[in-house]
C-alpha atoms as a PDB file:
ATOM      1  CA  MET A   1     -13.589  12.072 -14.188  1.00  0.00           C
ATOM      2  CA  ASN A   2     -16.180  10.657 -11.582  1.00  0.00           C
ATOM      3  CA  HIS A   3     -19.445   8.762 -12.649  1.00  0.00           C
ATOM      4  CA  ILE A   4     -22.630  10.464 -12.355  1.00  0.00           C
ATOM      5  CA  ASP A   5     -25.638   8.451 -11.410  1.00  0.00           C
ATOM      6  CA  SER A   6     -28.463  10.739 -11.599  1.00  0.00           C
ATOM      7  CA  VAL A   7     -29.471  14.113 -13.207  1.00  0.00           C
ATOM      8  CA  LYS A   8     -29.358  15.587  -9.698  1.00  0.00           C
ATOM      9  CA  ASP A   9     -25.514  14.457  -9.208  1.00  0.00           C
ATOM     10  CA  TYR A  10     -24.905  15.826 -12.656  1.00  0.00           C
ATOM     11  CA  LYS A  11     -26.698  19.469 -11.848  1.00  0.00           C
ATOM     12  CA  LYS A  12     -24.508  19.490  -8.675  1.00  0.00           C
ATOM     13  CA  ASN A  13     -21.397  18.817 -10.531  1.00  0.00           C
ATOM     14  CA  THR A  14     -22.042  21.420 -13.068  1.00  0.00           C
ATOM     15  CA  SER A  15     -21.391  24.269 -10.506  1.00  0.00           C
ATOM     16  CA  THR A  16     -17.703  22.941 -10.546  1.00  0.00           C
ATOM     17  CA  LEU A  17     -17.513  23.114 -14.361  1.00  0.00           C
ATOM     18  CA  ASN A  18     -18.034  26.852 -14.323  1.00  0.00           C
ATOM     19  CA  TYR A  19     -14.336  27.512 -14.617  1.00  0.00           C
ATOM     20  CA  LEU A  20     -14.105  25.618 -17.860  1.00  0.00           C
ATOM     21  CA  THR A  21     -14.678  26.882 -21.064  1.00  0.00           C
ATOM     22  CA  LYS A  22     -17.966  26.695 -22.971  1.00  0.00           C
ATOM     23  CA  GLU A  23     -16.557  24.081 -25.402  1.00  0.00           C
ATOM     24  CA  GLU A  24     -15.112  22.153 -22.541  1.00  0.00           C
ATOM     25  CA  GLN A  25     -18.319  22.102 -20.674  1.00  0.00           C
ATOM     26  CA  THR A  26     -20.148  21.104 -23.858  1.00  0.00           C
ATOM     27  CA  LEU A  27     -17.946  18.083 -24.476  1.00  0.00           C
ATOM     28  CA  ILE A  28     -18.013  16.967 -20.571  1.00  0.00           C
ATOM     29  CA  LYS A  29     -22.122  17.595 -20.846  1.00  0.00           C
ATOM     30  CA  ALA A  30     -22.223  15.324 -23.842  1.00  0.00           C
ATOM     31  CA  GLU A  31     -20.200  12.679 -22.428  1.00  0.00           C
ATOM     32  CA  VAL A  32     -22.109  12.530 -18.960  1.00  0.00           C
ATOM     33  CA  PHE A  33     -25.373  12.409 -21.181  1.00  0.00           C
ATOM     34  CA  ALA A  34     -23.987   9.523 -23.093  1.00  0.00           C
ATOM     35  CA  GLN A  35     -23.141   7.637 -19.760  1.00  0.00           C
ATOM     36  CA  LEU A  36     -26.517   8.217 -18.290  1.00  0.00           C
ATOM     37  CA  ALA A  37     -28.096   6.918 -21.772  1.00  0.00           C
ATOM     38  CA  THR A  38     -25.841   3.965 -21.525  1.00  0.00           C
ATOM     39  CA  LYS A  39     -26.668   3.222 -17.906  1.00  0.00           C
ATOM     40  CA  GLN A  40     -30.455   3.318 -18.583  1.00  0.00           C
ATOM     41  CA  GLN A  41     -30.158   0.989 -21.667  1.00  0.00           C
ATOM     42  CA  LYS A  42     -28.304  -1.422 -19.522  1.00  0.00           C
ATOM     43  CA  LYS A  43     -31.123  -1.343 -16.956  1.00  0.00           C
ATOM     44  CA  LYS A  44     -33.713  -1.813 -19.525  1.00  0.00           C
ATOM     45  CA  LEU A  45     -31.951  -4.857 -20.866  1.00  0.00           C
ATOM     46  CA  LYS A  46     -31.555  -6.547 -17.791  1.00  0.00           C
ATOM     47  CA  LYS A  47     -35.408  -6.081 -17.012  1.00  0.00           C
ATOM     48  CA  GLN A  48     -36.165  -7.624 -20.386  1.00  0.00           C
ATOM     49  CA  HIS A  49     -33.795 -10.600 -19.694  1.00  0.00           C
ATOM     50  CA  LYS A  50     -35.733 -11.543 -16.461  1.00  0.00           C
END
């Protein structure tokens, strides 16, 4: 699965998820948002260390 850097990329990629079942879409969306949250936490931590 490719990494998604922004909500815009996420929305673009959701169109490719339409062939999946609703359960699969929900799991993938949850994973994507978890990745986004993790990235943002890392950015915040980097800013705090400066």
